[in-house]
Amino acid sequence: MTIEYGVPLREFAKGKSQVEVAELLGVTQGAISQMMLSARDVRVVSGSDGKPEGFEIRRIGSRRKSLAA
């Protein structure tokens, strides 16, 4: 089942620098770079105040557990 929610980050970022996208979403440029390089499903929606907000869409239980040392 596929649910469309918001705009994919790559589409939202078209024509904008990573710094601009980071400022709009309230994160660092480095965070945007990591999101763009990863296979994460990050979406951007318009918040209640009209400002863009980012969300990650993922299946429950899909996060890898770290190995105990």
N, C-alpha and C. Protein backbone atom coordinates (compact mmCIF):
# COMPACT_ATOMS: atom_id res chain seq x y z
N MET A 1 0.85 -1.17 0.00
CA MET A 1 0.00 0.00 0.00
C MET A 1 0.89 1.24 0.00
N THR A 2 0.61 2.16 -0.89
CA THR A 2 1.37 3.40 -0.97
C THR A 2 0.46 4.57 -0.64
N ILE A 3 0.90 5.40 0.27
CA ILE A 3 0.15 6.60 0.64
C ILE A 3 0.99 7.80 0.26
N GLU A 4 0.43 8.68 -0.55
CA GLU A 4 1.15 9.89 -0.93
C GLU A 4 0.94 10.95 0.14
N TYR A 5 2.02 11.49 0.64
CA TYR A 5 1.96 12.48 1.71
C TYR A 5 3.01 13.53 1.43
N GLY A 6 2.60 14.73 1.12
CA GLY A 6 3.56 15.80 0.90
C GLY A 6 4.35 15.63 -0.38
N VAL A 7 5.39 16.42 -0.47
CA VAL A 7 6.27 16.45 -1.64
C VAL A 7 7.60 15.82 -1.26
N PRO A 8 8.14 14.93 -2.08
CA PRO A 8 9.45 14.36 -1.77
C PRO A 8 10.51 15.47 -1.63
N LEU A 9 11.45 15.29 -0.72
CA LEU A 9 12.47 16.30 -0.45
C LEU A 9 13.20 16.71 -1.72
N ARG A 10 13.57 15.76 -2.55
CA ARG A 10 14.31 16.08 -3.78
C ARG A 10 13.50 17.03 -4.68
N GLU A 11 12.20 16.80 -4.76
CA GLU A 11 11.34 17.67 -5.57
C GLU A 11 11.24 19.06 -4.94
N PHE A 12 11.07 19.11 -3.62
CA PHE A 12 10.99 20.38 -2.90
C PHE A 12 12.27 21.19 -3.08
N ALA A 13 13.41 20.50 -3.14
CA ALA A 13 14.71 21.16 -3.18
C ALA A 13 15.11 21.64 -4.58
N LYS A 14 14.39 21.24 -5.61
CA LYS A 14 14.75 21.64 -6.98
C LYS A 14 14.78 23.16 -7.09
N GLY A 15 15.90 23.68 -7.62
CA GLY A 15 16.06 25.12 -7.81
C GLY A 15 16.49 25.86 -6.56
N LYS A 16 16.70 25.13 -5.46
CA LYS A 16 17.14 25.75 -4.20
C LYS A 16 18.48 25.14 -3.80
N SER A 17 19.28 25.91 -3.09
CA SER A 17 20.53 25.36 -2.55
C SER A 17 20.21 24.56 -1.29
N GLN A 18 21.14 23.71 -0.88
CA GLN A 18 20.94 22.95 0.36
C GLN A 18 20.83 23.89 1.55
N VAL A 19 21.55 25.00 1.52
CA VAL A 19 21.48 25.98 2.61
C VAL A 19 20.08 26.57 2.68
N GLU A 20 19.50 26.91 1.53
CA GLU A 20 18.14 27.47 1.50
C GLU A 20 17.13 26.47 2.03
N VAL A 21 17.23 25.22 1.60
CA VAL A 21 16.31 24.18 2.05
C VAL A 21 16.45 23.98 3.56
N ALA A 22 17.69 23.96 4.04
CA ALA A 22 17.94 23.79 5.48
C ALA A 22 17.30 24.92 6.28
N GLU A 23 17.45 26.15 5.82
CA GLU A 23 16.86 27.29 6.53
C GLU A 23 15.34 27.18 6.55
N LEU A 24 14.75 26.78 5.43
CA LEU A 24 13.29 26.65 5.36
C LEU A 24 12.76 25.57 6.30
N LEU A 25 13.53 24.48 6.47
CA LEU A 25 13.08 23.37 7.30
C LEU A 25 13.60 23.43 8.74
N GLY A 26 14.48 24.39 9.02
CA GLY A 26 14.99 24.54 10.39
C GLY A 26 16.01 23.48 10.79
N VAL A 27 16.79 23.02 9.82
CA VAL A 27 17.85 22.05 10.10
C VAL A 27 19.15 22.58 9.50
N THR A 28 20.22 21.81 9.65
CA THR A 28 21.51 22.24 9.09
C THR A 28 21.65 21.79 7.64
N GLN A 29 22.58 22.42 6.95
CA GLN A 29 22.88 22.02 5.57
C GLN A 29 23.38 20.59 5.54
N GLY A 30 24.16 20.21 6.56
CA GLY A 30 24.68 18.84 6.65
C GLY A 30 23.56 17.81 6.76
N ALA A 31 22.51 18.16 7.51
CA ALA A 31 21.36 17.25 7.64
C ALA A 31 20.66 17.07 6.30
N ILE A 32 20.51 18.16 5.55
CA ILE A 32 19.89 18.07 4.22
C ILE A 32 20.75 17.21 3.31
N SER A 33 22.06 17.39 3.35
CA SER A 33 22.97 16.60 2.53
C SER A 33 22.80 15.12 2.82
N GLN A 34 22.75 14.75 4.11
CA GLN A 34 22.59 13.35 4.49
C GLN A 34 21.25 12.80 4.03
N MET A 35 20.19 13.60 4.16
CA MET A 35 18.87 13.15 3.72
C MET A 35 18.84 12.93 2.21
N MET A 36 19.50 13.81 1.46
CA MET A 36 19.50 13.70 0.00
C MET A 36 20.30 12.48 -0.47
N LEU A 37 21.36 12.13 0.25
CA LEU A 37 22.21 11.01 -0.13
C LEU A 37 21.66 9.66 0.32
N SER A 38 20.78 9.67 1.31
CA SER A 38 20.27 8.42 1.86
C SER A 38 19.06 7.93 1.07
N ALA A 39 18.61 6.75 1.42
CA ALA A 39 17.41 6.18 0.79
C ALA A 39 16.17 6.50 1.61
N ARG A 40 16.28 7.43 2.57
CA ARG A 40 15.15 7.78 3.43
C ARG A 40 14.05 8.47 2.63
N ASP A 41 12.80 8.22 3.00
CA ASP A 41 11.65 8.82 2.34
C ASP A 41 11.24 10.06 3.13
N VAL A 42 11.88 11.19 2.83
CA VAL A 42 11.61 12.44 3.52
C VAL A 42 10.65 13.25 2.67
N ARG A 43 9.56 13.72 3.29
CA ARG A 43 8.53 14.49 2.59
C ARG A 43 8.40 15.86 3.23
N VAL A 44 7.96 16.83 2.44
CA VAL A 44 7.76 18.19 2.92
C VAL A 44 6.29 18.56 2.73
N VAL A 45 5.69 19.07 3.80
CA VAL A 45 4.29 19.52 3.76
C VAL A 45 4.23 20.95 4.27
N SER A 46 3.12 21.60 4.01
CA SER A 46 2.91 22.95 4.51
C SER A 46 2.30 22.83 5.90
N GLY A 47 2.96 23.43 6.90
CA GLY A 47 2.47 23.38 8.27
C GLY A 47 1.25 24.27 8.46
N SER A 48 0.68 24.23 9.65
CA SER A 48 -0.52 25.03 9.94
C SER A 48 -0.25 26.52 9.83
N ASP A 49 1.01 26.92 10.00
CA ASP A 49 1.38 28.33 9.88
C ASP A 49 1.84 28.68 8.47
N GLY A 50 1.77 27.72 7.55
CA GLY A 50 2.18 27.95 6.17
C GLY A 50 3.64 27.68 5.89
N LYS A 51 4.43 27.44 6.94
CA LYS A 51 5.85 27.16 6.76
C LYS A 51 6.05 25.68 6.42
N PRO A 52 7.05 25.37 5.59
CA PRO A 52 7.29 23.97 5.25
C PRO A 52 7.81 23.17 6.45
N GLU A 53 7.35 21.92 6.55
CA GLU A 53 7.80 21.01 7.60
C GLU A 53 8.22 19.71 6.95
N GLY A 54 9.28 19.10 7.46
CA GLY A 54 9.76 17.84 6.91
C GLY A 54 9.37 16.67 7.78
N PHE A 55 9.03 15.56 7.13
CA PHE A 55 8.67 14.33 7.82
C PHE A 55 9.34 13.16 7.13
N GLU A 56 9.71 12.15 7.91
CA GLU A 56 10.25 10.93 7.32
C GLU A 56 9.16 9.87 7.36
N ILE A 57 8.91 9.24 6.23
CA ILE A 57 7.91 8.18 6.15
C ILE A 57 8.66 6.85 6.19
N ARG A 58 8.30 6.01 7.15
CA ARG A 58 8.94 4.69 7.22
C ARG A 58 8.02 3.71 7.94
N ARG A 59 8.22 2.46 7.63
CA ARG A 59 7.42 1.40 8.24
C ARG A 59 7.79 1.25 9.72
N ILE A 60 6.81 0.99 10.54
CA ILE A 60 7.06 0.76 11.96
C ILE A 60 7.93 -0.49 12.10
N GLY A 61 8.94 -0.38 12.94
CA GLY A 61 9.84 -1.51 13.16
C GLY A 61 10.93 -1.63 12.11
N SER A 62 11.03 -0.64 11.22
CA SER A 62 12.03 -0.74 10.16
C SER A 62 13.39 -0.21 10.55
N ARG A 63 13.47 0.44 11.70
CA ARG A 63 14.76 0.98 12.15
C ARG A 63 15.66 -0.15 12.59
N ARG A 64 16.90 -0.12 12.10
CA ARG A 64 17.87 -1.14 12.49
C ARG A 64 18.26 -0.94 13.95
N LYS A 65 18.38 -2.04 14.66
CA LYS A 65 18.83 -1.97 16.05
C LYS A 65 20.35 -2.04 16.05
N SER A 66 20.97 -1.20 16.88
CA SER A 66 22.43 -1.23 16.96
C SER A 66 22.87 -2.46 17.76
N LEU A 67 24.01 -2.97 17.41
CA LEU A 67 24.55 -4.13 18.11
C LEU A 67 25.18 -3.70 19.42
N ALA A 68 24.91 -4.43 20.48
CA ALA A 68 25.50 -4.13 21.78
C ALA A 68 26.98 -4.51 21.75
N ALA A 69 27.80 -3.66 22.35
CA ALA A 69 29.25 -3.92 22.34
C ALA A 69 29.65 -4.87 23.43
